[in-house]
Amino acid sequence: MQNNKIELLTEVAEYYTAKLAEHGETARGVDWNGEESQTTRFAQLCKIIEAPDHFSINDLGCGYGALYDYLAKDHAHFSYTGVDVSNGMVQAATQRYQDNPRARFILASEPDQVADYGVASGILNVRMDRSDAEWWGYLKDTLDILDRTSRLGFAFNCLTSYSDADKMRDYLYYADPCLLFDFCKRRYSSNVTLLHDYKLYEFTILVRKSI
């Protein structure tokens, strides 16, 4: 099972490293259609943040660190750790924010420390040739990582199974939002929010913890 996960993460790393090489430090470089949709996703994910300032956040699958720029527009005091399995992404992000002491980046499949919040954007979508069962196992493992490395809560997004059939692609994973809402309610917290009212073929789930 461990070898299978390593192989899966290697495939993911190679996929996103290639996207970065092709499109550079842009939304397309992390496999989004454009800046507008990327900003929309960040807005949904950041609804998990209830502390106006002085918070820490882990960004799992950080890419070149675009979420940091989004957060910095509204928050003056926070610390950010970006985590990615793509060496190319981590190198690009480290170079991009080399003079910023609030941002750090690590090459890993999970954060190396607990933060107030954890987020994961887009990393649960591109399954390539993996079966539904394999990808569901990876998805659950990822949520467990978010849970144990966040103190106040975490947020993630997935492509929705309610997508138009003619727009769905075999190499992408379309999750059932109702199933995931139920899974998070039963496994992580009674305080779970499902956001499925924005104009993208996806949904965002917020899991808030009681401390």
N, C-alpha and C. Protein backbone atom coordinates (compact mmCIF):
# COMPACT_ATOMS: atom_id res chain seq x y z
N MET A 1 0.83 -1.21 0.00
CA MET A 1 0.00 0.00 0.00
C MET A 1 0.87 1.26 0.00
N GLN A 2 1.97 1.22 0.82
CA GLN A 2 2.85 2.38 0.89
C GLN A 2 3.52 2.63 -0.45
N ASN A 3 3.99 1.56 -1.10
CA ASN A 3 4.63 1.70 -2.41
C ASN A 3 3.65 2.26 -3.43
N ASN A 4 2.39 1.84 -3.34
CA ASN A 4 1.37 2.34 -4.26
C ASN A 4 1.16 3.84 -4.08
N LYS A 5 1.17 4.30 -2.82
CA LYS A 5 0.99 5.74 -2.56
C LYS A 5 2.18 6.52 -3.07
N ILE A 6 3.39 5.97 -2.90
CA ILE A 6 4.59 6.65 -3.40
C ILE A 6 4.52 6.80 -4.92
N GLU A 7 4.09 5.74 -5.59
CA GLU A 7 3.95 5.80 -7.04
C GLU A 7 2.91 6.84 -7.45
N LEU A 8 1.80 6.88 -6.73
CA LEU A 8 0.74 7.84 -7.03
C LEU A 8 1.25 9.27 -6.86
N LEU A 9 1.95 9.54 -5.75
CA LEU A 9 2.47 10.88 -5.50
C LEU A 9 3.54 11.26 -6.53
N THR A 10 4.30 10.29 -6.98
CA THR A 10 5.29 10.56 -8.03
C THR A 10 4.61 10.97 -9.33
N GLU A 11 3.52 10.28 -9.67
CA GLU A 11 2.75 10.64 -10.86
C GLU A 11 2.21 12.06 -10.75
N VAL A 12 1.67 12.39 -9.58
CA VAL A 12 1.12 13.73 -9.35
C VAL A 12 2.23 14.78 -9.48
N ALA A 13 3.38 14.51 -8.87
CA ALA A 13 4.50 15.46 -8.92
C ALA A 13 4.94 15.69 -10.36
N GLU A 14 5.06 14.62 -11.13
CA GLU A 14 5.49 14.75 -12.53
C GLU A 14 4.48 15.54 -13.35
N TYR A 15 3.20 15.31 -13.09
CA TYR A 15 2.14 16.00 -13.83
C TYR A 15 2.24 17.52 -13.62
N TYR A 16 2.35 17.93 -12.34
CA TYR A 16 2.36 19.36 -12.05
C TYR A 16 3.70 20.01 -12.38
N THR A 17 4.78 19.28 -12.28
CA THR A 17 6.07 19.82 -12.69
C THR A 17 6.05 20.13 -14.18
N ALA A 18 5.42 19.26 -14.96
CA ALA A 18 5.30 19.49 -16.40
C ALA A 18 4.43 20.71 -16.70
N LYS A 19 3.34 20.88 -15.94
CA LYS A 19 2.48 22.04 -16.13
C LYS A 19 3.23 23.34 -15.84
N LEU A 20 4.02 23.33 -14.77
CA LEU A 20 4.80 24.52 -14.42
C LEU A 20 5.81 24.84 -15.51
N ALA A 21 6.47 23.80 -16.02
CA ALA A 21 7.46 24.01 -17.08
C ALA A 21 6.81 24.60 -18.33
N GLU A 22 5.58 24.18 -18.61
CA GLU A 22 4.89 24.62 -19.82
C GLU A 22 4.33 26.03 -19.69
N HIS A 23 3.75 26.35 -18.52
CA HIS A 23 3.02 27.61 -18.38
C HIS A 23 3.64 28.61 -17.40
N GLY A 24 4.65 28.20 -16.65
CA GLY A 24 5.29 29.10 -15.70
C GLY A 24 4.45 29.35 -14.47
N GLU A 25 4.81 30.37 -13.71
CA GLU A 25 4.15 30.69 -12.45
C GLU A 25 2.85 31.46 -12.71
N THR A 26 1.88 30.72 -13.23
CA THR A 26 0.57 31.27 -13.55
C THR A 26 -0.49 30.28 -13.10
N ALA A 27 -1.75 30.68 -13.20
CA ALA A 27 -2.84 29.77 -12.85
C ALA A 27 -2.79 28.50 -13.71
N ARG A 28 -2.47 28.65 -14.99
CA ARG A 28 -2.37 27.48 -15.87
C ARG A 28 -1.19 26.60 -15.48
N GLY A 29 -0.19 27.19 -14.85
CA GLY A 29 0.96 26.43 -14.39
C GLY A 29 0.64 25.48 -13.25
N VAL A 30 -0.49 25.71 -12.59
CA VAL A 30 -0.97 24.78 -11.56
C VAL A 30 -2.28 24.14 -12.00
N ASP A 31 -2.52 24.17 -13.31
CA ASP A 31 -3.61 23.45 -13.97
C ASP A 31 -4.99 24.04 -13.74
N TRP A 32 -5.07 25.36 -13.54
CA TRP A 32 -6.37 26.03 -13.52
C TRP A 32 -6.55 26.77 -14.83
N ASN A 33 -7.81 27.08 -15.16
CA ASN A 33 -8.11 27.73 -16.44
C ASN A 33 -7.62 29.16 -16.51
N GLY A 34 -7.61 29.85 -15.36
CA GLY A 34 -7.20 31.25 -15.39
C GLY A 34 -7.19 31.85 -14.00
N GLU A 35 -6.75 33.11 -13.93
CA GLU A 35 -6.61 33.79 -12.65
C GLU A 35 -7.95 33.99 -11.95
N GLU A 36 -9.00 34.26 -12.71
CA GLU A 36 -10.30 34.54 -12.10
C GLU A 36 -10.83 33.33 -11.33
N SER A 37 -10.75 32.16 -11.95
CA SER A 37 -11.25 30.96 -11.27
C SER A 37 -10.35 30.60 -10.07
N GLN A 38 -9.06 30.85 -10.20
CA GLN A 38 -8.15 30.60 -9.09
C GLN A 38 -8.50 31.48 -7.89
N THR A 39 -8.80 32.75 -8.15
CA THR A 39 -9.18 33.67 -7.07
C THR A 39 -10.50 33.26 -6.44
N THR A 40 -11.43 32.80 -7.27
CA THR A 40 -12.72 32.33 -6.74
C THR A 40 -12.51 31.16 -5.78
N ARG A 41 -11.65 30.24 -6.15
CA ARG A 41 -11.37 29.09 -5.28
C ARG A 41 -10.74 29.53 -3.97
N PHE A 42 -9.79 30.45 -4.05
CA PHE A 42 -9.15 30.93 -2.83
C PHE A 42 -10.17 31.58 -1.90
N ALA A 43 -11.11 32.32 -2.46
CA ALA A 43 -12.13 33.00 -1.65
C ALA A 43 -12.97 31.99 -0.88
N GLN A 44 -13.32 30.88 -1.52
CA GLN A 44 -14.11 29.84 -0.83
C GLN A 44 -13.29 29.17 0.27
N LEU A 45 -12.07 28.77 -0.06
CA LEU A 45 -11.21 28.08 0.91
C LEU A 45 -10.92 28.95 2.13
N CYS A 46 -10.72 30.24 1.91
CA CYS A 46 -10.32 31.12 3.01
C CYS A 46 -11.48 31.49 3.93
N LYS A 47 -12.67 31.04 3.61
CA LYS A 47 -13.78 31.21 4.54
C LYS A 47 -13.57 30.40 5.81
N ILE A 48 -12.63 29.47 5.79
CA ILE A 48 -12.30 28.72 6.99
C ILE A 48 -11.61 29.60 8.03
N ILE A 49 -10.99 30.68 7.59
CA ILE A 49 -10.21 31.54 8.49
C ILE A 49 -11.15 32.48 9.24
N GLU A 50 -11.20 32.33 10.54
CA GLU A 50 -12.06 33.18 11.37
C GLU A 50 -11.25 34.17 12.19
N ALA A 51 -9.95 33.92 12.36
CA ALA A 51 -9.08 34.87 13.05
C ALA A 51 -8.67 35.96 12.06
N PRO A 52 -8.94 37.24 12.36
CA PRO A 52 -8.61 38.29 11.40
C PRO A 52 -7.11 38.44 11.18
N ASP A 53 -6.33 38.14 12.20
CA ASP A 53 -4.88 38.27 12.11
C ASP A 53 -4.21 37.29 13.06
N HIS A 54 -2.91 37.20 12.96
CA HIS A 54 -2.11 36.35 13.84
C HIS A 54 -2.55 34.89 13.78
N PHE A 55 -2.55 34.34 12.60
CA PHE A 55 -2.86 32.92 12.44
C PHE A 55 -1.77 32.26 11.60
N SER A 56 -1.72 30.94 11.67
CA SER A 56 -0.79 30.16 10.84
C SER A 56 -1.60 29.26 9.92
N ILE A 57 -1.04 28.96 8.75
CA ILE A 57 -1.77 28.15 7.78
C ILE A 57 -0.81 27.26 7.01
N ASN A 58 -1.22 26.01 6.80
CA ASN A 58 -0.52 25.08 5.92
C ASN A 58 -1.27 24.99 4.60
N ASP A 59 -0.56 25.13 3.50
CA ASP A 59 -1.14 25.05 2.17
C ASP A 59 -0.62 23.77 1.51
N LEU A 60 -1.46 22.73 1.53
CA LEU A 60 -1.06 21.41 1.02
C LEU A 60 -1.29 21.36 -0.49
N GLY A 61 -0.22 21.19 -1.24
CA GLY A 61 -0.28 21.30 -2.70
C GLY A 61 -0.21 22.77 -3.09
N CYS A 62 0.80 23.45 -2.57
CA CYS A 62 0.87 24.91 -2.65
C CYS A 62 1.22 25.44 -4.03
N GLY A 63 1.78 24.57 -4.90
CA GLY A 63 2.21 25.09 -6.19
C GLY A 63 3.30 26.13 -6.02
N TYR A 64 3.21 27.23 -6.75
CA TYR A 64 4.23 28.28 -6.66
C TYR A 64 3.90 29.31 -5.58
N GLY A 65 2.87 29.02 -4.75
CA GLY A 65 2.58 29.86 -3.59
C GLY A 65 1.59 30.98 -3.81
N ALA A 66 0.74 30.87 -4.81
CA ALA A 66 -0.19 31.95 -5.14
C ALA A 66 -1.15 32.28 -3.99
N LEU A 67 -1.48 31.30 -3.16
CA LEU A 67 -2.39 31.57 -2.04
C LEU A 67 -1.80 32.59 -1.08
N TYR A 68 -0.48 32.58 -0.95
CA TYR A 68 0.15 33.56 -0.04
C TYR A 68 -0.19 34.98 -0.47
N ASP A 69 -0.07 35.26 -1.77
CA ASP A 69 -0.39 36.61 -2.27
C ASP A 69 -1.84 36.97 -1.98
N TYR A 70 -2.74 36.01 -2.15
CA TYR A 70 -4.16 36.26 -1.89
C TYR A 70 -4.37 36.61 -0.42
N LEU A 71 -3.76 35.86 0.47
CA LEU A 71 -3.92 36.11 1.90
C LEU A 71 -3.33 37.46 2.31
N ALA A 72 -2.20 37.81 1.73
CA ALA A 72 -1.50 39.03 2.12
C ALA A 72 -2.29 40.29 1.80
N LYS A 73 -3.24 40.20 0.89
CA LYS A 73 -4.05 41.37 0.55
C LYS A 73 -4.96 41.78 1.71
N ASP A 74 -5.38 40.82 2.53
CA ASP A 74 -6.35 41.09 3.59
C ASP A 74 -5.82 40.87 5.00
N HIS A 75 -4.65 40.24 5.12
CA HIS A 75 -4.13 39.89 6.44
C HIS A 75 -2.69 40.37 6.58
N ALA A 76 -2.45 41.12 7.64
CA ALA A 76 -1.12 41.69 7.84
C ALA A 76 -0.20 40.78 8.63
N HIS A 77 -0.78 39.92 9.46
CA HIS A 77 0.05 39.12 10.37
C HIS A 77 -0.38 37.65 10.31
N PHE A 78 0.35 36.87 9.57
CA PHE A 78 0.10 35.43 9.52
C PHE A 78 1.39 34.74 9.08
N SER A 79 1.48 33.46 9.37
CA SER A 79 2.62 32.67 8.90
C SER A 79 2.10 31.57 7.98
N TYR A 80 2.84 31.30 6.95
CA TYR A 80 2.40 30.42 5.87
C TYR A 80 3.45 29.36 5.59
N THR A 81 3.01 28.10 5.53
CA THR A 81 3.88 27.02 5.10
C THR A 81 3.28 26.35 3.88
N GLY A 82 3.99 26.38 2.79
CA GLY A 82 3.57 25.72 1.56
C GLY A 82 4.20 24.34 1.45
N VAL A 83 3.39 23.37 1.09
CA VAL A 83 3.84 21.97 1.00
C VAL A 83 3.50 21.43 -0.38
N ASP A 84 4.47 20.82 -1.04
CA ASP A 84 4.19 20.28 -2.37
C ASP A 84 5.10 19.09 -2.65
N VAL A 85 4.59 18.14 -3.45
CA VAL A 85 5.38 16.96 -3.82
C VAL A 85 6.20 17.20 -5.09
N SER A 86 5.98 18.33 -5.74
CA SER A 86 6.73 18.67 -6.95
C SER A 86 7.94 19.51 -6.58
N ASN A 87 9.12 18.99 -6.85
CA ASN A 87 10.35 19.74 -6.56
C ASN A 87 10.40 21.04 -7.35
N GLY A 88 9.92 21.01 -8.59
CA GLY A 88 9.90 22.21 -9.41
C GLY A 88 9.04 23.30 -8.79
N MET A 89 7.87 22.92 -8.26
CA MET A 89 6.98 23.89 -7.62
C MET A 89 7.63 24.49 -6.38
N VAL A 90 8.24 23.65 -5.55
CA VAL A 90 8.85 24.14 -4.31
C VAL A 90 10.02 25.07 -4.63
N GLN A 91 10.81 24.72 -5.62
CA GLN A 91 11.92 25.59 -6.01
C GLN A 91 11.42 26.94 -6.51
N ALA A 92 10.36 26.92 -7.33
CA ALA A 92 9.80 28.17 -7.85
C ALA A 92 9.24 29.03 -6.73
N ALA A 93 8.52 28.40 -5.80
CA ALA A 93 7.93 29.15 -4.69
C ALA A 93 9.00 29.71 -3.77
N THR A 94 10.03 28.92 -3.47
CA THR A 94 11.11 29.38 -2.60
C THR A 94 11.82 30.57 -3.21
N GLN A 95 12.06 30.51 -4.50
CA GLN A 95 12.70 31.63 -5.19
C GLN A 95 11.79 32.85 -5.20
N ARG A 96 10.52 32.64 -5.41
CA ARG A 96 9.55 33.73 -5.51
C ARG A 96 9.44 34.50 -4.20
N TYR A 97 9.52 33.80 -3.08
CA TYR A 97 9.32 34.43 -1.77
C TYR A 97 10.58 34.39 -0.91
N GLN A 98 11.74 34.39 -1.54
CA GLN A 98 12.98 34.24 -0.80
C GLN A 98 13.24 35.37 0.19
N ASP A 99 12.67 36.53 -0.04
CA ASP A 99 12.90 37.67 0.86
C ASP A 99 11.75 37.88 1.82
N ASN A 100 10.85 36.90 1.90
CA ASN A 100 9.68 37.04 2.77
C ASN A 100 9.78 36.04 3.93
N PRO A 101 10.04 36.52 5.15
CA PRO A 101 10.22 35.62 6.29
C PRO A 101 8.94 34.94 6.75
N ARG A 102 7.78 35.41 6.30
CA ARG A 102 6.52 34.80 6.73
C ARG A 102 6.15 33.56 5.92
N ALA A 103 6.82 33.35 4.82
CA ALA A 103 6.49 32.23 3.94
C ALA A 103 7.65 31.24 3.89
N ARG A 104 7.33 29.97 4.07
CA ARG A 104 8.32 28.91 3.94
C ARG A 104 7.72 27.78 3.11
N PHE A 105 8.57 27.02 2.44
CA PHE A 105 8.11 25.96 1.54
C PHE A 105 8.93 24.71 1.78
N ILE A 106 8.23 23.56 1.76
CA ILE A 106 8.91 22.28 1.95
C ILE A 106 8.47 21.29 0.89
N LEU A 107 9.41 20.43 0.50
CA LEU A 107 9.12 19.34 -0.44
C LEU A 107 8.69 18.14 0.37
N ALA A 108 7.39 17.85 0.38
CA ALA A 108 6.85 16.79 1.21
C ALA A 108 5.41 16.50 0.79
N SER A 109 4.87 15.40 1.31
CA SER A 109 3.47 15.06 1.05
C SER A 109 2.55 15.49 2.19
N GLU A 110 3.14 16.00 3.27
CA GLU A 110 2.33 16.52 4.36
C GLU A 110 3.12 17.56 5.14
N PRO A 111 2.44 18.46 5.85
CA PRO A 111 3.13 19.50 6.62
C PRO A 111 4.02 18.90 7.70
N ASP A 112 5.06 19.64 8.09
CA ASP A 112 5.97 19.18 9.13
C ASP A 112 5.64 19.78 10.48
N GLN A 113 4.52 20.54 10.54
CA GLN A 113 4.10 21.12 11.80
C GLN A 113 2.60 21.41 11.77
N VAL A 114 2.02 21.50 12.95
CA VAL A 114 0.59 21.82 13.06
C VAL A 114 0.41 23.33 12.92
N ALA A 115 -0.61 23.74 12.18
CA ALA A 115 -0.96 25.15 12.02
C ALA A 115 -2.39 25.37 12.48
N ASP A 116 -2.79 26.62 12.59
CA ASP A 116 -4.19 26.90 12.94
C ASP A 116 -5.13 26.34 11.89
N TYR A 117 -4.78 26.55 10.62
CA TYR A 117 -5.63 26.13 9.51
C TYR A 117 -4.83 25.34 8.48
N GLY A 118 -5.54 24.50 7.75
CA GLY A 118 -4.95 23.79 6.62
C GLY A 118 -5.87 23.90 5.43
N VAL A 119 -5.31 24.03 4.24
CA VAL A 119 -6.11 24.09 3.01
C VAL A 119 -5.47 23.21 1.94
N ALA A 120 -6.31 22.72 1.05
CA ALA A 120 -5.84 21.95 -0.11
C ALA A 120 -6.69 22.33 -1.30
N SER A 121 -6.06 22.87 -2.32
CA SER A 121 -6.80 23.34 -3.49
C SER A 121 -6.33 22.61 -4.74
N GLY A 122 -7.23 21.82 -5.32
CA GLY A 122 -6.95 21.20 -6.62
C GLY A 122 -6.19 19.90 -6.59
N ILE A 123 -5.69 19.48 -5.42
CA ILE A 123 -4.83 18.30 -5.40
C ILE A 123 -5.62 16.99 -5.42
N LEU A 124 -6.95 17.07 -5.36
CA LEU A 124 -7.77 15.86 -5.33
C LEU A 124 -8.49 15.62 -6.66
N ASN A 125 -8.02 16.27 -7.70
CA ASN A 125 -8.74 16.24 -8.98
C ASN A 125 -8.13 15.33 -10.04
N VAL A 126 -6.82 15.35 -10.18
CA VAL A 126 -6.16 14.71 -11.32
C VAL A 126 -5.72 13.31 -10.94
N ARG A 127 -6.56 12.34 -11.22
CA ARG A 127 -6.25 10.95 -10.82
C ARG A 127 -5.53 10.18 -11.92
N MET A 128 -5.51 10.70 -13.12
CA MET A 128 -4.88 10.04 -14.28
C MET A 128 -5.48 8.64 -14.49
N ASP A 129 -4.67 7.57 -14.39
CA ASP A 129 -5.18 6.23 -14.65
C ASP A 129 -5.62 5.48 -13.39
N ARG A 130 -5.64 6.16 -12.26
CA ARG A 130 -5.99 5.50 -11.01
C ARG A 130 -7.50 5.21 -10.96
N SER A 131 -7.85 4.10 -10.35
CA SER A 131 -9.26 3.73 -10.22
C SER A 131 -9.96 4.60 -9.20
N ASP A 132 -11.30 4.58 -9.21
CA ASP A 132 -12.06 5.31 -8.21
C ASP A 132 -11.68 4.87 -6.80
N ALA A 133 -11.50 3.56 -6.61
CA ALA A 133 -11.18 3.04 -5.28
C ALA A 133 -9.81 3.53 -4.81
N GLU A 134 -8.82 3.51 -5.71
CA GLU A 134 -7.48 3.98 -5.35
C GLU A 134 -7.52 5.47 -5.00
N TRP A 135 -8.22 6.24 -5.81
CA TRP A 135 -8.23 7.69 -5.59
C TRP A 135 -9.02 8.05 -4.34
N TRP A 136 -10.08 7.33 -4.07
CA TRP A 136 -10.85 7.56 -2.84
C TRP A 136 -9.97 7.31 -1.62
N GLY A 137 -9.14 6.27 -1.67
CA GLY A 137 -8.21 6.00 -0.58
C GLY A 137 -7.21 7.14 -0.40
N TYR A 138 -6.69 7.65 -1.51
CA TYR A 138 -5.77 8.79 -1.45
C TYR A 138 -6.47 10.03 -0.91
N LEU A 139 -7.70 10.26 -1.33
CA LEU A 139 -8.47 11.40 -0.87
C LEU A 139 -8.66 11.34 0.65
N LYS A 140 -9.05 10.18 1.15
CA LYS A 140 -9.25 10.04 2.60
C LYS A 140 -7.95 10.23 3.37
N ASP A 141 -6.85 9.70 2.84
CA ASP A 141 -5.55 9.90 3.49
C ASP A 141 -5.19 11.38 3.55
N THR A 142 -5.50 12.09 2.48
CA THR A 142 -5.20 13.52 2.43
C THR A 142 -6.02 14.29 3.46
N LEU A 143 -7.29 13.95 3.60
CA LEU A 143 -8.13 14.62 4.60
C LEU A 143 -7.64 14.31 6.01
N ASP A 144 -7.18 13.10 6.24
CA ASP A 144 -6.63 12.76 7.55
C ASP A 144 -5.38 13.61 7.85
N ILE A 145 -4.57 13.83 6.83
CA ILE A 145 -3.39 14.70 7.00
C ILE A 145 -3.82 16.12 7.36
N LEU A 146 -4.79 16.65 6.63
CA LEU A 146 -5.29 18.00 6.93
C LEU A 146 -5.82 18.07 8.36
N ASP A 147 -6.52 17.03 8.77
CA ASP A 147 -7.12 17.02 10.10
C ASP A 147 -6.05 17.04 11.20
N ARG A 148 -5.06 16.18 11.09
CA ARG A 148 -4.09 16.08 12.18
C ARG A 148 -3.06 17.21 12.17
N THR A 149 -2.99 17.99 11.09
CA THR A 149 -2.03 19.09 11.06
C THR A 149 -2.71 20.47 11.13
N SER A 150 -3.98 20.49 11.49
CA SER A 150 -4.67 21.77 11.68
C SER A 150 -5.32 21.81 13.05
N ARG A 151 -5.24 22.95 13.69
CA ARG A 151 -5.75 23.09 15.05
C ARG A 151 -7.19 23.61 15.09
N LEU A 152 -7.50 24.57 14.24
CA LEU A 152 -8.82 25.20 14.25
C LEU A 152 -9.74 24.70 13.14
N GLY A 153 -9.16 24.20 12.06
CA GLY A 153 -10.00 23.70 10.98
C GLY A 153 -9.25 23.60 9.66
N PHE A 154 -9.92 23.00 8.68
CA PHE A 154 -9.30 22.86 7.37
C PHE A 154 -10.35 22.96 6.27
N ALA A 155 -9.88 23.22 5.05
CA ALA A 155 -10.77 23.37 3.90
C ALA A 155 -10.13 22.71 2.68
N PHE A 156 -10.98 22.19 1.80
CA PHE A 156 -10.48 21.57 0.58
C PHE A 156 -11.55 21.67 -0.50
N ASN A 157 -11.14 21.50 -1.74
CA ASN A 157 -12.11 21.50 -2.84
C ASN A 157 -11.95 20.27 -3.71
N CYS A 158 -13.01 19.93 -4.42
CA CYS A 158 -13.04 18.79 -5.34
C CYS A 158 -13.91 19.15 -6.53
N LEU A 159 -13.62 18.54 -7.66
CA LEU A 159 -14.55 18.60 -8.78
C LEU A 159 -15.83 17.87 -8.39
N THR A 160 -16.95 18.35 -8.87
CA THR A 160 -18.23 17.80 -8.44
C THR A 160 -18.79 16.74 -9.38
N SER A 161 -19.40 15.74 -8.79
CA SER A 161 -20.07 14.70 -9.58
C SER A 161 -21.31 15.24 -10.28
N TYR A 162 -21.72 16.45 -9.94
CA TYR A 162 -22.84 17.11 -10.61
C TYR A 162 -22.41 17.88 -11.86
N SER A 163 -21.18 17.71 -12.29
CA SER A 163 -20.70 18.36 -13.51
C SER A 163 -21.47 17.87 -14.73
N ASP A 164 -21.56 18.70 -15.74
CA ASP A 164 -22.21 18.29 -16.99
C ASP A 164 -21.43 17.13 -17.60
N ALA A 165 -22.15 16.09 -17.98
CA ALA A 165 -21.52 14.86 -18.47
C ALA A 165 -20.60 15.11 -19.66
N ASP A 166 -20.97 16.03 -20.54
CA ASP A 166 -20.17 16.26 -21.75
C ASP A 166 -18.89 17.02 -21.46
N LYS A 167 -18.76 17.55 -20.26
CA LYS A 167 -17.55 18.29 -19.90
C LYS A 167 -16.62 17.47 -18.99
N MET A 168 -17.04 16.29 -18.57
CA MET A 168 -16.25 15.46 -17.68
C MET A 168 -15.15 14.74 -18.45
N ARG A 169 -14.01 14.55 -17.80
CA ARG A 169 -12.86 13.91 -18.43
C ARG A 169 -12.45 12.68 -17.63
N ASP A 170 -12.01 11.63 -18.33
CA ASP A 170 -11.69 10.35 -17.68
C ASP A 170 -10.54 10.46 -16.69
N TYR A 171 -9.59 11.36 -16.94
CA TYR A 171 -8.40 11.43 -16.08
C TYR A 171 -8.63 12.30 -14.83
N LEU A 172 -9.84 12.84 -14.70
CA LEU A 172 -10.18 13.66 -13.54
C LEU A 172 -11.12 12.90 -12.60
N TYR A 173 -11.08 13.26 -11.34
CA TYR A 173 -11.92 12.62 -10.33
C TYR A 173 -13.04 13.58 -9.92
N TYR A 174 -14.27 13.12 -10.04
CA TYR A 174 -15.44 13.93 -9.70
C TYR A 174 -16.08 13.34 -8.44
N ALA A 175 -15.96 14.06 -7.35
CA ALA A 175 -16.40 13.55 -6.05
C ALA A 175 -17.87 13.86 -5.80
N ASP A 176 -18.49 13.03 -5.01
CA ASP A 176 -19.88 13.23 -4.58
C ASP A 176 -19.88 14.16 -3.38
N PRO A 177 -20.38 15.39 -3.51
CA PRO A 177 -20.31 16.34 -2.39
C PRO A 177 -21.10 15.88 -1.17
N CYS A 178 -22.21 15.20 -1.39
CA CYS A 178 -23.02 14.73 -0.26
C CYS A 178 -22.29 13.64 0.51
N LEU A 179 -21.62 12.76 -0.21
CA LEU A 179 -20.85 11.70 0.44
C LEU A 179 -19.71 12.28 1.27
N LEU A 180 -19.01 13.26 0.71
CA LEU A 180 -17.89 13.85 1.43
C LEU A 180 -18.35 14.68 2.62
N PHE A 181 -19.46 15.37 2.48
CA PHE A 181 -20.03 16.12 3.61
C PHE A 181 -20.33 15.16 4.76
N ASP A 182 -20.97 14.06 4.45
CA ASP A 182 -21.30 13.06 5.47
C ASP A 182 -20.03 12.46 6.08
N PHE A 183 -19.05 12.17 5.25
CA PHE A 183 -17.79 11.60 5.72
C PHE A 183 -17.12 12.54 6.72
N CYS A 184 -17.06 13.82 6.38
CA CYS A 184 -16.40 14.80 7.25
C CYS A 184 -17.18 15.02 8.55
N LYS A 185 -18.50 15.03 8.47
CA LYS A 185 -19.33 15.17 9.67
C LYS A 185 -19.10 14.02 10.63
N ARG A 186 -19.01 12.82 10.10
CA ARG A 186 -18.88 11.64 10.95
C ARG A 186 -17.45 11.43 11.45
N ARG A 187 -16.48 11.85 10.67
CA ARG A 187 -15.08 11.53 11.01
C ARG A 187 -14.33 12.65 11.72
N TYR A 188 -14.65 13.91 11.38
CA TYR A 188 -13.80 15.01 11.85
C TYR A 188 -14.48 15.99 12.80
N SER A 189 -15.70 16.41 12.50
CA SER A 189 -16.31 17.47 13.28
C SER A 189 -17.81 17.55 13.00
N SER A 190 -18.56 18.04 13.96
CA SER A 190 -19.99 18.28 13.73
C SER A 190 -20.23 19.60 13.01
N ASN A 191 -19.17 20.41 12.91
CA ASN A 191 -19.28 21.74 12.30
C ASN A 191 -18.64 21.71 10.91
N VAL A 192 -19.44 21.34 9.93
CA VAL A 192 -18.96 21.19 8.55
C VAL A 192 -19.85 22.00 7.62
N THR A 193 -19.23 22.73 6.71
CA THR A 193 -19.96 23.54 5.73
C THR A 193 -19.65 23.06 4.31
N LEU A 194 -20.69 22.87 3.51
CA LEU A 194 -20.53 22.51 2.10
C LEU A 194 -20.89 23.73 1.26
N LEU A 195 -19.94 24.20 0.47
CA LEU A 195 -20.14 25.34 -0.42
C LEU A 195 -20.21 24.84 -1.86
N HIS A 196 -21.41 24.97 -2.43
CA HIS A 196 -21.59 24.47 -3.80
C HIS A 196 -22.42 25.48 -4.59
N ASP A 197 -22.25 26.75 -4.25
CA ASP A 197 -23.09 27.79 -4.85
C ASP A 197 -22.29 28.84 -5.60
N TYR A 198 -21.08 28.46 -6.04
CA TYR A 198 -20.29 29.39 -6.86
C TYR A 198 -20.12 28.79 -8.25
N LYS A 199 -19.81 29.62 -9.22
CA LYS A 199 -19.96 29.23 -10.62
C LYS A 199 -18.76 28.48 -11.17
N LEU A 200 -18.43 27.37 -10.54
CA LEU A 200 -17.40 26.46 -11.04
C LEU A 200 -17.92 25.04 -10.87
N TYR A 201 -17.36 24.11 -11.63
CA TYR A 201 -17.81 22.72 -11.56
C TYR A 201 -17.12 22.00 -10.39
N GLU A 202 -17.32 22.51 -9.21
CA GLU A 202 -16.63 21.99 -8.04
C GLU A 202 -17.38 22.41 -6.78
N PHE A 203 -16.87 21.96 -5.65
CA PHE A 203 -17.40 22.37 -4.36
C PHE A 203 -16.26 22.49 -3.37
N THR A 204 -16.52 23.19 -2.28
CA THR A 204 -15.53 23.36 -1.21
C THR A 204 -16.18 22.93 0.10
N ILE A 205 -15.40 22.24 0.92
CA ILE A 205 -15.88 21.84 2.24
C ILE A 205 -14.99 22.49 3.30
N LEU A 206 -15.63 23.06 4.31
CA LEU A 206 -14.95 23.67 5.46
C LEU A 206 -15.23 22.81 6.68
N VAL A 207 -14.20 22.42 7.38
CA VAL A 207 -14.32 21.63 8.61
C VAL A 207 -13.78 22.45 9.77
N ARG A 208 -14.65 22.89 10.66
CA ARG A 208 -14.23 23.69 11.81
C ARG A 208 -14.20 22.80 13.06
N LYS A 209 -13.19 22.99 13.87
CA LYS A 209 -13.00 22.17 15.06
C LYS A 209 -13.37 22.92 16.32
N SER A 210 -13.77 22.18 17.32
CA SER A 210 -14.04 22.73 18.63
C SER A 210 -12.80 22.53 19.48
N ILE A 211 -12.34 23.61 20.10
CA ILE A 211 -11.12 23.51 20.94
C ILE A 211 -11.42 23.99 22.36
